[in-house]
């Protein structure tokens, strides 16, 4: 018997041929970007239930889940080659 996924889904990012070789940094980020259903539900509650704007809700969710952000940004760099995680933390005021 199949177990329900309670609204879970898989999302696949597609790109033009050769993109992964041209932009390996973005490709690395997308390959590590993963959400879970609790994260998604909490974020949507902020928007749909609490009336937050999407950018504010996204920032709040990242601030509440630094472990996920760290995993997303592992070995990802800024345009100038610096680690991305400190840049994101600074942008979020963390």
N, C-alpha and C. Protein backbone atom coordinates (compact mmCIF):
# COMPACT_ATOMS: atom_id res chain seq x y z
N UNK A 1 0.84 -1.18 0.00
CA UNK A 1 0.00 0.00 0.00
C UNK A 1 0.89 1.24 0.00
N UNK A 2 0.59 2.18 -0.85
CA UNK A 2 1.38 3.40 -0.97
C UNK A 2 1.13 4.34 0.21
N UNK A 3 2.19 5.00 0.63
CA UNK A 3 2.09 5.98 1.71
C UNK A 3 1.83 7.34 1.10
N UNK A 4 0.86 8.10 1.61
CA UNK A 4 0.60 9.42 1.05
C UNK A 4 1.78 10.36 1.30
N UNK A 5 1.98 11.32 0.38
CA UNK A 5 3.10 12.24 0.56
C UNK A 5 2.65 13.58 1.13
N UNK A 6 1.38 13.70 1.46
CA UNK A 6 0.85 14.90 2.11
C UNK A 6 1.20 16.18 1.35
N UNK A 7 1.11 16.14 0.05
CA UNK A 7 1.36 17.34 -0.75
C UNK A 7 2.79 17.48 -1.20
N UNK A 8 3.65 16.55 -0.88
CA UNK A 8 5.05 16.62 -1.30
C UNK A 8 5.16 16.48 -2.81
N UNK A 9 6.23 16.98 -3.35
CA UNK A 9 6.44 16.92 -4.79
C UNK A 9 7.92 16.92 -5.09
N UNK A 10 8.26 16.52 -6.27
CA UNK A 10 9.62 16.63 -6.77
C UNK A 10 9.64 17.73 -7.82
N UNK A 11 10.64 18.57 -7.75
CA UNK A 11 10.79 19.65 -8.72
C UNK A 11 12.15 19.46 -9.38
N UNK A 12 12.16 19.47 -10.69
CA UNK A 12 13.40 19.30 -11.43
C UNK A 12 13.71 20.59 -12.16
N UNK A 13 14.96 21.02 -12.06
CA UNK A 13 15.41 22.23 -12.75
C UNK A 13 16.09 21.79 -14.03
N UNK A 14 15.66 22.34 -15.14
CA UNK A 14 16.30 22.02 -16.41
C UNK A 14 17.02 23.26 -16.92
N UNK A 15 18.04 23.03 -17.70
CA UNK A 15 18.84 24.12 -18.24
C UNK A 15 19.30 23.74 -19.64
N UNK A 16 19.77 24.73 -20.33
CA UNK A 16 20.23 24.49 -21.70
C UNK A 16 21.45 23.57 -21.72
N UNK A 17 21.69 22.95 -22.82
CA UNK A 17 22.83 22.08 -23.00
C UNK A 17 24.11 22.88 -22.72
N UNK A 18 24.98 22.32 -21.91
CA UNK A 18 26.25 22.95 -21.61
C UNK A 18 26.23 23.91 -20.43
N UNK A 19 25.04 24.16 -19.86
CA UNK A 19 24.94 25.12 -18.75
C UNK A 19 25.76 24.67 -17.54
N UNK A 20 25.72 23.41 -17.22
CA UNK A 20 26.45 22.90 -16.05
C UNK A 20 27.95 23.14 -16.19
N UNK A 21 28.47 23.05 -17.41
CA UNK A 21 29.89 23.29 -17.63
C UNK A 21 30.19 24.80 -17.62
N UNK A 22 29.28 25.61 -18.12
CA UNK A 22 29.47 27.05 -18.19
C UNK A 22 29.30 27.70 -16.81
N UNK A 23 28.36 27.20 -16.02
CA UNK A 23 28.03 27.79 -14.72
C UNK A 23 28.04 26.71 -13.63
N UNK A 24 29.20 26.15 -13.33
CA UNK A 24 29.24 25.06 -12.35
C UNK A 24 28.85 25.49 -10.94
N UNK A 25 29.05 26.74 -10.61
CA UNK A 25 28.70 27.22 -9.28
C UNK A 25 27.19 27.21 -9.07
N UNK A 26 26.45 27.71 -10.04
CA UNK A 26 24.98 27.71 -9.94
C UNK A 26 24.47 26.27 -9.98
N UNK A 27 25.09 25.46 -10.82
CA UNK A 27 24.70 24.06 -10.91
C UNK A 27 24.90 23.36 -9.56
N UNK A 28 26.00 23.66 -8.89
CA UNK A 28 26.26 23.09 -7.55
C UNK A 28 25.16 23.50 -6.59
N UNK A 29 24.82 24.80 -6.59
CA UNK A 29 23.76 25.29 -5.71
C UNK A 29 22.44 24.57 -5.98
N UNK A 30 22.03 24.52 -7.24
CA UNK A 30 20.76 23.86 -7.56
C UNK A 30 20.78 22.38 -7.19
N UNK A 31 21.92 21.73 -7.32
CA UNK A 31 21.99 20.30 -7.00
C UNK A 31 21.84 20.05 -5.50
N UNK A 32 22.09 21.07 -4.68
CA UNK A 32 22.03 20.94 -3.23
C UNK A 32 20.77 21.55 -2.63
N UNK A 33 20.00 22.26 -3.43
CA UNK A 33 18.80 22.95 -2.96
C UNK A 33 17.68 21.93 -2.76
N UNK A 34 17.33 21.69 -1.50
CA UNK A 34 16.28 20.73 -1.19
C UNK A 34 15.46 21.27 -0.03
N UNK A 35 14.17 21.06 -0.09
CA UNK A 35 13.24 21.49 0.94
C UNK A 35 12.53 20.25 1.48
N UNK A 36 12.00 20.36 2.67
CA UNK A 36 11.15 19.29 3.18
C UNK A 36 9.74 19.85 3.39
N UNK A 37 8.80 18.97 3.62
CA UNK A 37 7.40 19.38 3.69
C UNK A 37 7.13 20.31 4.88
N UNK A 38 7.81 20.08 5.99
CA UNK A 38 7.63 20.96 7.15
C UNK A 38 8.13 22.37 6.85
N UNK A 39 9.25 22.47 6.18
CA UNK A 39 9.81 23.78 5.79
C UNK A 39 8.82 24.50 4.87
N UNK A 40 8.35 23.79 3.88
CA UNK A 40 7.40 24.38 2.93
C UNK A 40 6.11 24.81 3.63
N UNK A 41 5.57 23.96 4.47
CA UNK A 41 4.33 24.30 5.18
C UNK A 41 4.51 25.52 6.07
N UNK A 42 5.63 25.60 6.77
CA UNK A 42 5.87 26.76 7.64
C UNK A 42 5.99 28.04 6.84
N UNK A 43 6.72 27.96 5.74
CA UNK A 43 6.87 29.14 4.88
C UNK A 43 5.55 29.58 4.28
N UNK A 44 4.75 28.65 3.84
CA UNK A 44 3.46 29.00 3.25
C UNK A 44 2.51 29.55 4.29
N UNK A 45 2.61 29.07 5.52
CA UNK A 45 1.79 29.64 6.60
C UNK A 45 2.13 31.11 6.82
N UNK A 46 3.41 31.43 6.75
CA UNK A 46 3.82 32.83 6.91
C UNK A 46 3.18 33.72 5.84
N UNK A 47 3.11 33.20 4.63
CA UNK A 47 2.56 33.98 3.51
C UNK A 47 1.04 33.94 3.51
N UNK A 48 0.47 32.74 3.51
CA UNK A 48 -0.98 32.59 3.35
C UNK A 48 -1.74 32.90 4.65
N UNK A 49 -1.18 32.52 5.78
CA UNK A 49 -1.88 32.70 7.04
C UNK A 49 -1.54 33.98 7.77
N UNK A 50 -0.26 34.36 7.70
CA UNK A 50 0.20 35.52 8.46
C UNK A 50 0.32 36.79 7.62
N UNK A 51 0.16 36.66 6.32
CA UNK A 51 0.18 37.82 5.44
C UNK A 51 1.55 38.40 5.13
N UNK A 52 2.61 37.63 5.36
CA UNK A 52 3.95 38.12 5.04
C UNK A 52 4.16 38.13 3.53
N UNK A 53 4.99 39.03 3.06
CA UNK A 53 5.40 39.02 1.65
C UNK A 53 6.38 37.87 1.45
N UNK A 54 6.43 37.35 0.23
CA UNK A 54 7.30 36.20 -0.04
C UNK A 54 8.77 36.45 0.31
N UNK A 55 9.38 37.58 -0.08
CA UNK A 55 10.79 37.78 0.29
C UNK A 55 11.04 37.78 1.79
N UNK A 56 10.15 38.38 2.55
CA UNK A 56 10.30 38.40 4.01
C UNK A 56 10.14 37.00 4.59
N UNK A 57 9.20 36.24 4.08
CA UNK A 57 9.00 34.88 4.56
C UNK A 57 10.21 34.01 4.22
N UNK A 58 10.75 34.16 3.02
CA UNK A 58 11.93 33.39 2.63
C UNK A 58 13.11 33.72 3.54
N UNK A 59 13.32 34.99 3.81
CA UNK A 59 14.41 35.39 4.70
C UNK A 59 14.21 34.83 6.10
N UNK A 60 12.98 34.90 6.60
CA UNK A 60 12.68 34.38 7.93
C UNK A 60 12.90 32.87 7.99
N UNK A 61 12.50 32.17 6.95
CA UNK A 61 12.68 30.72 6.94
C UNK A 61 14.16 30.36 6.90
N UNK A 62 14.94 31.08 6.12
CA UNK A 62 16.37 30.79 6.08
C UNK A 62 17.02 31.09 7.43
N UNK A 63 16.58 32.15 8.10
CA UNK A 63 17.12 32.48 9.41
C UNK A 63 16.76 31.40 10.44
N UNK A 64 15.58 30.80 10.30
CA UNK A 64 15.14 29.75 11.24
C UNK A 64 15.79 28.40 10.95
N UNK A 65 16.34 28.23 9.75
CA UNK A 65 16.88 26.93 9.33
C UNK A 65 18.29 27.09 8.77
N UNK A 66 19.23 27.57 9.58
CA UNK A 66 20.59 27.79 9.07
C UNK A 66 21.27 26.50 8.62
N UNK A 67 20.88 25.36 9.19
CA UNK A 67 21.46 24.09 8.77
C UNK A 67 21.12 23.77 7.32
N UNK A 68 19.90 24.09 6.91
CA UNK A 68 19.51 23.86 5.51
C UNK A 68 20.27 24.81 4.59
N UNK A 69 20.36 26.07 4.98
CA UNK A 69 21.07 27.07 4.17
C UNK A 69 22.54 26.66 4.02
N UNK A 70 23.13 26.18 5.09
CA UNK A 70 24.52 25.75 5.03
C UNK A 70 24.68 24.59 4.04
N UNK A 71 23.75 23.66 4.05
CA UNK A 71 23.81 22.53 3.11
C UNK A 71 23.62 23.01 1.67
N UNK A 72 22.71 23.96 1.45
CA UNK A 72 22.48 24.48 0.09
C UNK A 72 23.73 25.16 -0.46
N UNK A 73 24.47 25.82 0.41
CA UNK A 73 25.60 26.64 -0.03
C UNK A 73 26.96 25.98 0.13
N UNK A 74 26.99 24.71 0.49
CA UNK A 74 28.26 24.00 0.65
C UNK A 74 29.04 24.06 -0.67
N UNK A 75 30.24 24.61 -0.59
CA UNK A 75 31.14 24.73 -1.75
C UNK A 75 30.63 25.64 -2.85
N UNK A 76 29.64 26.48 -2.56
CA UNK A 76 29.14 27.49 -3.52
C UNK A 76 29.84 28.80 -3.18
N UNK A 77 30.19 29.57 -4.21
CA UNK A 77 30.92 30.81 -4.00
C UNK A 77 30.17 32.01 -4.56
N UNK A 78 30.61 33.19 -4.10
CA UNK A 78 30.09 34.45 -4.64
C UNK A 78 30.78 34.71 -5.98
N UNK A 79 30.38 35.80 -6.65
CA UNK A 79 30.99 36.14 -7.94
C UNK A 79 32.50 36.33 -7.82
N UNK A 80 32.96 36.83 -6.68
CA UNK A 80 34.40 37.06 -6.52
C UNK A 80 35.14 35.87 -5.93
N UNK A 81 34.48 34.72 -5.85
CA UNK A 81 35.14 33.49 -5.43
C UNK A 81 35.17 33.23 -3.94
N UNK A 82 34.50 34.05 -3.16
CA UNK A 82 34.46 33.86 -1.71
C UNK A 82 33.34 32.87 -1.35
N UNK A 83 33.43 32.23 -0.19
CA UNK A 83 32.36 31.33 0.23
C UNK A 83 31.02 32.07 0.29
N UNK A 84 29.98 31.44 -0.22
CA UNK A 84 28.66 32.08 -0.31
C UNK A 84 27.96 32.21 1.04
N UNK A 85 28.19 31.27 1.94
CA UNK A 85 27.45 31.27 3.20
C UNK A 85 27.64 32.56 4.00
N UNK A 86 28.85 33.06 4.21
CA UNK A 86 28.98 34.33 4.96
C UNK A 86 28.29 35.50 4.26
N UNK A 87 28.30 35.51 2.94
CA UNK A 87 27.63 36.58 2.19
C UNK A 87 26.11 36.53 2.40
N UNK A 88 25.55 35.34 2.39
CA UNK A 88 24.12 35.19 2.60
C UNK A 88 23.76 35.56 4.04
N UNK A 89 24.55 35.11 4.99
CA UNK A 89 24.30 35.46 6.38
C UNK A 89 24.33 36.98 6.58
N UNK A 90 25.29 37.65 5.95
CA UNK A 90 25.39 39.10 6.06
C UNK A 90 24.17 39.76 5.43
N UNK A 91 23.72 39.26 4.29
CA UNK A 91 22.55 39.84 3.62
C UNK A 91 21.28 39.66 4.46
N UNK A 92 21.22 38.57 5.22
CA UNK A 92 20.06 38.30 6.06
C UNK A 92 20.18 38.95 7.44
N UNK A 93 21.34 39.52 7.72
CA UNK A 93 21.55 40.12 9.02
C UNK A 93 21.74 39.12 10.13
N UNK A 94 22.32 37.98 9.80
CA UNK A 94 22.54 36.92 10.80
C UNK A 94 23.95 36.97 11.36
